[in-house]
C-alpha atoms as a PDB file:
ATOM      1  CA  MET A   1      22.042  13.645 -13.611  1.00  0.00           C
ATOM      2  CA  ALA A   2      20.761  14.218 -10.076  1.00  0.00           C
ATOM      3  CA  ILE A   3      17.247  13.329  -9.011  1.00  0.00           C
ATOM      4  CA  ILE A   4      15.310  16.455  -8.055  1.00  0.00           C
ATOM      5  CA  PRO A   5      13.085  16.389  -4.949  1.00  0.00           C
ATOM      6  CA  HIS A   6       9.848  16.309  -6.963  1.00  0.00           C
ATOM      7  CA  GLU A   7      10.977  13.185  -8.839  1.00  0.00           C
ATOM      8  CA  ARG A   8      11.983  11.581  -5.541  1.00  0.00           C
ATOM      9  CA  ASN A   9       8.514  12.293  -4.117  1.00  0.00           C
ATOM     10  CA  VAL A  10       6.823  10.771  -7.167  1.00  0.00           C
ATOM     11  CA  LEU A  11       9.041   7.688  -6.959  1.00  0.00           C
ATOM     12  CA  GLY A  12       8.192   7.304  -3.272  1.00  0.00           C
ATOM     13  CA  ASP A  13       4.470   7.672  -3.950  1.00  0.00           C
ATOM     14  CA  TYR A  14       4.451   5.010  -6.635  1.00  0.00           C
ATOM     15  CA  THR A  15       6.613   2.684  -4.555  1.00  0.00           C
ATOM     16  CA  ALA A  16       4.225   3.034  -1.604  1.00  0.00           C
ATOM     17  CA  LEU A  17       1.251   2.413  -3.889  1.00  0.00           C
ATOM     18  CA  LEU A  18       2.882  -0.702  -5.347  1.00  0.00           C
ATOM     19  CA  ALA A  19       3.677  -1.993  -1.847  1.00  0.00           C
ATOM     20  CA  ALA A  20       0.065  -1.439  -0.735  1.00  0.00           C
ATOM     21  CA  ILE A  21      -1.210  -3.378  -3.742  1.00  0.00           C
ATOM     22  CA  VAL A  22       1.215  -6.260  -3.126  1.00  0.00           C
ATOM     23  CA  PHE A  23       0.283  -6.419   0.564  1.00  0.00           C
ATOM     24  CA  ALA A  24      -3.420  -6.352  -0.309  1.00  0.00           C
ATOM     25  CA  VAL A  25      -2.917  -9.346  -2.587  1.00  0.00           C
ATOM     26  CA  VAL A  26      -1.052 -11.153   0.205  1.00  0.00           C
ATOM     27  CA  GLY A  27      -3.901 -10.380   2.601  1.00  0.00           C
ATOM     28  CA  VAL A  28      -6.480 -11.732   0.156  1.00  0.00           C
ATOM     29  CA  ALA A  29      -4.385 -14.882  -0.259  1.00  0.00           C
ATOM     30  CA  PHE A  30      -4.323 -15.404   3.506  1.00  0.00           C
ATOM     31  CA  GLY A  31      -8.017 -14.578   3.779  1.00  0.00           C
ATOM     32  CA  LEU A  32      -9.063 -17.098   1.162  1.00  0.00           C
ATOM     33  CA  ASN A  33      -6.559 -19.907   1.685  1.00  0.00           C
ATOM     34  CA  SER A  34      -6.022 -20.129   5.420  1.00  0.00           C
ATOM     35  CA  PRO A  35      -7.653 -23.098   7.133  1.00  0.00           C
ATOM     36  CA  ASP A  36      -7.623 -21.295  10.491  1.00  0.00           C
ATOM     37  CA  PRO A  37     -10.521 -18.805  10.847  1.00  0.00           C
ATOM     38  CA  ALA A  38      -8.461 -16.430  12.980  1.00  0.00           C
ATOM     39  CA  MET A  39      -5.692 -16.314  10.391  1.00  0.00           C
ATOM     40  CA  ALA A  40      -8.235 -15.772   7.614  1.00  0.00           C
ATOM     41  CA  PHE A  41      -9.789 -12.898   9.574  1.00  0.00           C
ATOM     42  CA  HIS A  42      -6.418 -11.255  10.032  1.00  0.00           C
ATOM     43  CA  GLY A  43      -5.712 -11.685   6.335  1.00  0.00           C
ATOM     44  CA  TRP A  44      -8.813  -9.621   5.643  1.00  0.00           C
ATOM     45  CA  VAL A  45      -7.742  -7.050   8.236  1.00  0.00           C
ATOM     46  CA  PHE A  46      -4.376  -6.869   6.469  1.00  0.00           C
ATOM     47  CA  THR A  47      -6.177  -6.334   3.162  1.00  0.00           C
ATOM     48  CA  ALA A  48      -8.328  -3.550   4.618  1.00  0.00           C
ATOM     49  CA  GLY A  49      -5.270  -1.798   6.058  1.00  0.00           C
ATOM     50  CA  SER A  50      -3.517  -2.016   2.716  1.00  0.00           C
ATOM     51  CA  ALA A  51      -6.552  -0.560   0.963  1.00  0.00           C
ATOM     52  CA  VAL A  52      -6.655   2.372   3.388  1.00  0.00           C
ATOM     53  CA  ALA A  53      -2.936   2.968   2.840  1.00  0.00           C
ATOM     54  CA  ALA A  54      -3.399   2.903  -0.940  1.00  0.00           C
ATOM     55  CA  LEU A  55      -6.291   5.383  -0.712  1.00  0.00           C
ATOM     56  CA  TYR A  56      -4.194   7.713   1.421  1.00  0.00           C
ATOM     57  CA  VAL A  57      -1.323   7.607  -1.045  1.00  0.00           C
ATOM     58  CA  LEU A  58      -3.684   8.212  -3.960  1.00  0.00           C
ATOM     59  CA  THR A  59      -5.356  11.203  -2.301  1.00  0.00           C
ATOM     60  CA  THR A  60      -2.055  12.860  -1.358  1.00  0.00           C
ATOM     61  CA  MET A  61      -0.160  11.945  -4.531  1.00  0.00           C
ATOM     62  CA  GLY A  62       1.283  14.892  -6.398  1.00  0.00           C
ATOM     63  CA  LYS A  63       0.786  17.431  -3.626  1.00  0.00           C
ATOM     64  CA  PRO A  64       3.858  19.461  -2.729  1.00  0.00           C
ATOM     65  CA  ARG A  65       5.712  18.548   0.444  1.00  0.00           C
ATOM     66  CA  ASN A  66       8.197  20.305   2.669  1.00  0.00           C
ATOM     67  CA  THR A  67      11.486  18.719   1.640  1.00  0.00           C
END
């Protein structure tokens, strides 16, 4: 059975959302556990970027695309 484009889009959306959540957790880990203040700051920047990416995926999820 072939995957139709809509199913492929949904799979991509959920994969991107899962990746954003994983990267946010990694950023929090760096932000809390790094002894270097610069590295901790960039961990929080990484977390913020992941949160923005997750919000973008959530707001565009399920909308039709040109495929």
